[in-house]
Protein backbone atom coordinates (compact mmCIF):
# COMPACT_ATOMS: atom_id res chain seq x y z
CA MET A 1 -10.28 -4.83 16.08
CA SER A 2 -7.73 -6.85 17.99
CA SER A 3 -5.54 -9.46 16.30
CA GLU A 4 -7.08 -12.14 18.54
CA LYS A 5 -10.58 -11.50 17.27
CA LYS A 6 -9.28 -11.40 13.73
CA CYS A 7 -7.64 -14.82 13.85
CA VAL A 8 -10.39 -16.88 15.51
CA THR A 9 -13.16 -18.03 13.18
CA THR A 10 -15.60 -20.90 12.89
CA VAL A 11 -14.02 -24.05 11.43
CA ASP A 12 -15.49 -25.00 8.09
CA PRO A 13 -16.83 -28.60 8.19
CA LYS A 14 -15.28 -29.36 4.79
CA GLN A 15 -11.85 -28.23 5.95
CA ALA A 16 -12.14 -30.21 9.16
CA SER A 17 -13.16 -33.32 7.23
CA ARG A 18 -10.25 -32.90 4.80
CA ARG A 19 -7.75 -32.59 7.63
CA LYS A 20 -9.26 -35.56 9.50
CA PHE A 21 -9.05 -37.72 6.38
CA LEU A 22 -5.40 -36.80 5.71
CA LYS A 23 -4.39 -37.41 9.29
CA GLY A 24 -6.12 -40.77 9.27
CA MET A 25 -4.36 -41.83 6.07
CA ALA A 26 -0.98 -40.73 7.40
CA ALA A 27 -1.45 -42.46 10.73
CA GLY A 28 -2.40 -45.73 9.06
CA ALA A 29 0.36 -45.68 6.46
CA ALA A 30 3.41 -44.38 8.28
CA ALA A 31 5.31 -44.80 11.49
CA ALA A 32 6.03 -42.00 13.92
CA THR A 33 8.97 -40.63 11.95
CA VAL A 34 8.73 -37.06 10.64
CA PRO A 35 8.70 -36.73 6.83
CA THR A 36 11.40 -34.46 5.46
CA LYS A 37 9.87 -34.35 1.98
CA VAL A 38 6.32 -34.80 0.76
CA LEU A 39 5.27 -35.33 -2.85
CA ALA A 40 3.64 -32.15 -4.12
CA GLN A 41 0.99 -31.42 -6.70
CA GLY A 42 2.55 -31.58 -10.16
CA GLY A 43 5.40 -33.95 -9.31
CA GLY A 44 7.74 -31.67 -7.34
CA PHE A 45 8.64 -31.76 -3.68
CA PHE A 46 7.74 -29.54 -0.76
CA THR A 47 10.01 -29.68 2.26
CA TYR A 48 8.33 -29.88 5.66
CA GLY A 49 10.03 -29.92 9.03
CA SER A 50 7.24 -31.52 11.08
CA TRP A 51 3.82 -33.13 11.00
CA ASP A 52 2.44 -29.85 12.34
CA GLU A 53 3.57 -28.05 9.20
CA TYR A 54 2.25 -30.76 6.88
CA PHE A 55 -1.18 -30.78 8.55
CA GLN A 56 -1.18 -27.06 9.29
CA LYS A 57 -4.59 -25.43 9.67
CA GLN A 58 -5.80 -22.82 7.26
CA PHE A 59 -4.71 -19.40 8.50
CA ARG A 60 -8.25 -18.29 9.36
CA GLU A 61 -8.78 -21.37 11.51
CA MET A 62 -5.73 -20.79 13.70
CA SER A 63 -5.95 -19.59 17.28
CA PRO A 64 -3.74 -16.61 18.21
CA ASP A 65 -1.19 -18.99 19.79
CA GLU A 66 -1.14 -21.15 16.66
CA VAL A 67 -0.63 -18.08 14.49
CA GLN A 68 2.36 -16.96 16.54
CA ALA A 69 3.87 -20.46 16.54
CA THR A 70 3.46 -20.69 12.77
CA LEU A 71 5.01 -17.27 12.15
CA LYS A 72 7.96 -18.13 14.40
CA ARG A 73 8.53 -21.46 12.67
CA LEU A 74 8.51 -19.82 9.23
CA GLU A 75 10.85 -17.05 10.35
CA GLU A 76 13.36 -19.63 11.54
CA LYS A 77 12.97 -21.65 8.34
CA TYR A 78 13.45 -18.69 5.99
CA THR A 79 16.32 -17.28 8.05
CA ARG A 80 18.19 -20.57 7.65
CA GLN A 81 17.29 -20.79 3.97
CA PHE A 82 18.44 -17.29 2.97
CA GLY A 83 21.16 -16.66 5.55
CA LYS A 84 19.60 -13.39 6.74
CA LYS A 85 17.09 -12.39 9.41
CA VAL A 86 13.60 -12.80 7.95
CA THR A 87 10.42 -11.59 9.65
CA VAL A 88 6.96 -12.99 8.88
CA LYS A 89 4.05 -10.84 10.05
CA GLY A 90 0.42 -11.74 10.46
CA THR A 91 -0.91 -8.17 10.62
CA PRO A 92 -4.73 -8.32 10.40
CA ALA A 93 -6.99 -6.02 8.40
CA LEU A 94 -7.22 -2.49 9.78
CA GLU A 95 -10.50 -1.18 11.16
CA ASN A 96 -12.61 1.06 8.91
CA VAL A 97 -10.32 0.48 5.94
CA LYS A 98 -11.16 -0.83 2.50
CA PHE A 99 -8.36 -0.51 0.00
CA GLY A 100 -8.96 0.70 -3.53
CA TYR A 101 -6.68 1.31 -6.52
CA ALA A 102 -6.99 3.65 -9.49
CA LEU A 103 -4.76 3.98 -12.54
CA ASP A 104 -4.54 7.00 -14.86
CA LEU A 105 -4.16 5.67 -18.41
CA ASN A 106 -3.33 9.13 -19.74
CA ARG A 107 -0.22 9.25 -17.57
CA CYS A 108 1.10 5.70 -17.86
CA VAL A 109 4.10 5.61 -20.22
CA GLY A 110 4.62 1.84 -20.27
CA CYS A 111 8.05 1.94 -18.63
CA ARG A 112 7.35 -1.22 -16.56
CA ARG A 113 9.10 0.15 -13.48
CA CYS A 114 6.04 -0.95 -11.52
CA VAL A 115 6.56 -4.53 -12.73
CA TYR A 116 10.12 -4.77 -11.48
CA ALA A 117 9.50 -2.88 -8.23
CA CYS A 118 6.71 -5.37 -7.51
CA THR A 119 8.99 -8.31 -8.31
CA LYS A 120 11.66 -7.06 -5.94
CA GLU A 121 9.29 -6.19 -3.10
CA ASN A 122 7.26 -9.38 -3.24
CA ASN A 123 9.98 -12.00 -3.67
CA GLN A 124 8.75 -13.30 -7.01
CA SER A 125 10.73 -15.94 -8.86
CA ARG A 126 13.34 -14.28 -11.06
CA GLU A 127 13.69 -16.86 -13.83
CA ASN A 128 12.66 -20.41 -14.73
CA PRO A 129 9.95 -19.51 -13.90
CA GLN A 130 9.92 -15.72 -14.15
CA ILE A 131 6.76 -14.47 -12.44
CA HIS A 132 5.24 -11.00 -12.71
CA TYR A 133 2.06 -9.95 -10.91
CA ILE A 134 1.67 -6.90 -13.18
CA LYS A 135 1.31 -7.23 -16.96
CA VAL A 136 1.57 -3.99 -18.96
CA LEU A 137 -0.40 -4.13 -22.20
CA GLN A 138 0.31 -1.84 -25.16
CA PHE A 139 -2.61 -0.72 -27.33
CA LYS A 140 -2.88 1.40 -30.44
CA ASP A 141 -4.80 4.63 -29.88
CA GLY A 142 -8.52 4.04 -30.22
CA VAL A 143 -8.29 0.29 -29.54
CA MET A 144 -9.17 -1.55 -26.33
CA GLU A 145 -9.50 -5.15 -27.48
CA PHE A 146 -7.33 -7.37 -25.30
CA GLU A 147 -6.70 -9.70 -28.24
CA GLN A 148 -5.06 -6.79 -30.09
CA SER A 149 -2.75 -5.76 -27.24
CA ASP A 150 0.99 -6.45 -27.04
CA ARG A 151 2.49 -7.40 -23.67
CA TYR A 152 5.95 -8.10 -25.10
CA TYR A 153 6.67 -4.70 -26.68
CA ALA A 154 10.34 -3.70 -26.56
CA PRO A 155 11.10 -0.32 -28.17
CA GLU A 156 14.24 1.65 -27.42
CA GLN A 157 12.15 4.35 -25.75
CA VAL A 158 8.66 4.64 -24.30
CA PRO A 159 6.06 5.92 -24.74
CA GLU A 160 5.77 5.23 -28.44
CA ALA A 161 3.75 7.61 -30.60
CA GLY A 162 0.23 6.40 -31.29
CA GLN A 163 0.26 3.94 -28.40
CA TYR A 164 -1.13 3.84 -24.87
CA TYR A 165 -0.55 1.42 -22.01
CA MET A 166 -2.76 -0.47 -19.58
CA PRO A 167 -1.18 -2.30 -16.63
CA VAL A 168 -3.34 -5.24 -15.50
CA GLN A 169 -3.06 -7.24 -12.27
CA CYS A 170 -5.35 -8.86 -9.70
CA GLN A 171 -8.43 -6.64 -9.47
CA HIS A 172 -9.32 -7.66 -5.88
CA CYS A 173 -12.95 -8.22 -6.74
CA GLU A 174 -15.74 -7.99 -4.20
CA LYS A 175 -17.34 -11.00 -5.88
CA ALA A 176 -14.14 -12.75 -6.88
CA PRO A 177 -14.66 -15.77 -9.18
CA CYS A 178 -11.34 -17.22 -7.99
CA VAL A 179 -12.60 -17.38 -4.42
CA LYS A 180 -15.75 -19.22 -5.49
CA ALA A 181 -13.74 -21.66 -7.62
CA CYS A 182 -11.19 -22.74 -4.99
CA PRO A 183 -12.23 -26.23 -3.75
CA VAL A 184 -10.24 -26.00 -0.49
CA ARG A 185 -10.80 -22.31 0.30
CA ALA A 186 -7.13 -21.43 0.10
CA THR A 187 -8.05 -17.94 -1.15
CA TRP A 188 -10.56 -15.48 0.26
CA HIS A 189 -11.63 -11.83 0.42
CA GLU A 190 -10.47 -9.94 3.53
CA GLU A 191 -12.43 -7.15 5.23
CA ASP A 192 -10.02 -4.50 3.93
CA GLY A 193 -10.70 -5.47 0.31
CA ILE A 194 -7.61 -7.61 -0.32
CA VAL A 195 -8.02 -11.06 -1.88
CA VAL A 196 -5.36 -13.19 -0.18
CA MET A 197 -3.78 -16.65 -0.54
CA ASP A 198 -2.77 -19.21 2.08
CA TYR A 199 0.05 -20.90 0.16
CA ASN A 200 0.31 -23.79 2.62
CA TRP A 201 -3.34 -24.63 2.00
CA CYS A 202 -3.20 -24.37 -1.82
CA ILE A 203 -3.31 -27.77 -3.58
CA GLY A 204 -2.24 -26.41 -6.97
CA CYS A 205 -5.40 -27.37 -8.87
CA ARG A 206 -5.42 -24.00 -10.70
CA TYR A 207 -9.20 -23.72 -10.71
CA CYS A 208 -8.76 -20.14 -9.47
CA MET A 209 -6.59 -19.32 -12.48
CA ALA A 210 -9.20 -20.65 -14.86
CA ALA A 211 -11.93 -18.67 -13.09
CA CYS A 212 -10.09 -15.32 -13.09
CA PRO A 213 -11.09 -13.20 -16.13
CA TYR A 214 -8.10 -10.87 -15.63
CA GLU A 215 -5.21 -13.36 -15.77
CA GLY A 216 -4.32 -12.13 -12.32
CA ARG A 217 -2.85 -15.37 -10.96
CA ASN A 218 0.41 -17.26 -11.54
CA PHE A 219 1.38 -20.89 -10.97
CA ASN A 220 4.80 -22.01 -9.79
CA TRP A 221 5.64 -24.83 -12.20
CA ALA A 222 9.18 -25.12 -10.86
CA ASP A 223 11.05 -24.32 -7.70
CA PRO A 224 11.13 -20.50 -7.53
CA THR A 225 14.53 -18.88 -8.10
CA LEU A 226 15.19 -16.13 -5.57
CA PRO A 227 18.83 -15.17 -4.88
CA ALA A 228 19.45 -14.64 -1.17
CA ASP A 229 20.97 -11.19 -1.73
CA GLU A 230 17.78 -10.08 -3.56
CA MET A 231 15.32 -11.47 -1.02
CA ASN A 232 13.15 -8.92 0.81
CA PRO A 233 13.25 -10.06 4.47
CA GLU A 234 10.17 -8.05 5.57
CA THR A 235 7.31 -10.41 4.77
CA HIS A 236 3.70 -11.26 5.61
CA TYR A 237 2.16 -14.74 5.90
CA LEU A 238 -0.59 -13.87 3.38
CA GLY A 239 1.72 -11.87 1.15
CA ASN A 240 5.34 -11.85 0.06
CA ARG A 241 6.82 -14.69 2.12
CA PRO A 242 8.72 -17.20 -0.07
CA ARG A 243 6.44 -19.53 -1.99
CA MET A 244 7.04 -23.09 -3.07
CA ARG A 245 6.65 -25.16 -6.21
CA GLY A 246 3.13 -26.24 -7.05
CA VAL A 247 1.13 -23.30 -5.66
CA VAL A 248 -0.67 -20.27 -7.10
CA GLU A 249 0.34 -16.71 -6.21
CA LYS A 250 -0.88 -13.21 -7.05
CA CYS A 251 -0.87 -9.50 -6.23
CA HIS A 252 -1.96 -8.82 -2.65
CA PHE A 253 -1.73 -5.01 -2.65
CA CYS A 254 1.66 -5.34 -0.90
CA ILE A 255 -0.13 -6.43 2.27
CA GLN A 256 3.14 -6.31 4.23
CA ARG A 257 3.30 -2.58 3.47
CA THR A 258 -0.29 -1.36 3.19
CA ARG A 259 -1.37 -2.79 6.54
CA GLU A 260 1.52 -0.82 8.04
CA GLY A 261 0.27 2.46 6.54
CA LYS A 262 2.56 2.48 3.48
CA TYR A 263 1.85 2.59 -0.25
CA PRO A 264 2.30 -0.49 -2.47
CA SER A 265 5.73 -0.58 -4.09
CA CYS A 266 4.27 -0.03 -7.58
CA VAL A 267 2.64 3.21 -6.43
CA GLU A 268 5.88 4.53 -4.93
CA ILE A 269 8.01 3.72 -7.96
CA CYS A 270 5.74 5.13 -10.69
CA PRO A 271 7.70 8.08 -12.19
CA VAL A 272 4.61 9.84 -13.58
CA GLY A 273 2.17 9.42 -10.68
CA ALA A 274 -0.26 7.30 -12.68
CA ARG A 275 -1.11 5.02 -9.75
CA LYS A 276 -3.47 6.06 -6.94
CA PHE A 277 -4.11 3.98 -3.81
CA GLY A 278 -5.99 4.55 -0.59
CA ASN A 279 -8.93 3.92 1.70
CA LEU A 280 -12.27 3.88 -0.10
CA LEU A 281 -14.04 4.55 3.20
CA ASP A 282 -12.14 7.81 3.80
CA PRO A 283 -13.93 10.72 2.08
CA ASP A 284 -10.71 12.77 2.15
CA SER A 285 -8.50 10.12 0.52
CA GLU A 286 -6.98 10.52 -2.93
CA ILE A 287 -8.73 7.42 -4.21
CA ARG A 288 -12.11 8.87 -3.26
CA TYR A 289 -11.26 12.12 -5.02
CA VAL A 290 -10.55 10.18 -8.21
CA LEU A 291 -13.79 8.22 -7.99
CA GLU A 292 -15.87 11.32 -7.33
CA ASN A 293 -14.24 13.65 -9.85
CA LYS A 294 -13.00 11.52 -12.75
CA ARG A 295 -14.74 9.31 -15.30
CA VAL A 296 -13.68 5.89 -14.08
CA PHE A 297 -14.38 2.40 -15.38
CA ARG A 298 -13.63 -1.16 -14.31
CA LEU A 299 -12.48 -3.99 -16.55
CA LYS A 300 -15.15 -6.42 -17.72
CA GLU A 301 -17.86 -4.84 -15.57
CA ASP A 302 -20.44 -6.95 -17.36
CA LEU A 303 -19.14 -9.97 -15.42
CA LEU A 304 -20.36 -8.38 -12.15
CA THR A 305 -17.13 -9.19 -10.28
CA GLU A 306 -17.08 -5.68 -8.72
CA PRO A 307 -13.33 -5.01 -8.76
CA ASN A 308 -11.70 -2.65 -6.26
CA PHE A 309 -9.37 -1.61 -9.10
CA PHE A 310 -10.40 1.34 -11.28
CA TYR A 311 -9.08 2.95 -14.48
CA PHE A 312 -9.56 6.50 -15.69
CA PHE A 313 -8.31 8.97 -18.28
CA GLY A 314 -7.06 11.93 -16.28
């Protein structure tokens, strides 16, 4: 499938009406000067360089030319901001690919290397706020009640005797409650199984966070802290590009890597090989082997969200 076909979609009437209303309000209330700062949801400020950026279309609405112009503008903006060459890709979903993830709970040792590899790869805020897409829960053997787990365990060495570990992140559900809850359709399910976010379209209402039964989403309450020397310059519009205050973010299966044929950073860093990732449509893939030969389960299956994230005891 070509990138042109991927980017052109039918404009949703609600989105068109929202944009028309905002443009009408701005035209009636302001002169022709370009705003350098716009009040954001929650009382912070977003910085915009032009009216085009403020009234930017949702990514799925953009024509191929608009996509390229947007990516170029963001590359220039981030390059100035971080003092290094930053690329922003818009790589579409690959043909005949549907990503799936499996995690071997027998192997996981709770070292949290996946957490910090994810933070580094995906340009998450380092502190105030500190944001992690992956939360590793510690359970006592024989227990799987989330209320009895400990996500703040801190022993000198892991694994601890009598304990096991369950990393939890966005489950990339086929019937994602977060997608249904978003009032402006800033989040959606892509053809390759990834649930993505358009940060520029997010209004920060946090309905998606309330709807997610897996605590898979994070809100930026403050301006993200990301030192320039720690910033990963290889980014994707729907993935690890720098976010702003007042928006929700989440795991996106390292879209900047996986759509280029690479593994997610958490899979590569795992020292015990507990994480499996691949194409669910490929009968020869490792993920298919796990599903066909191991006893797998999905979290909260009774909610009928149909996650593309599986757990098993290898």
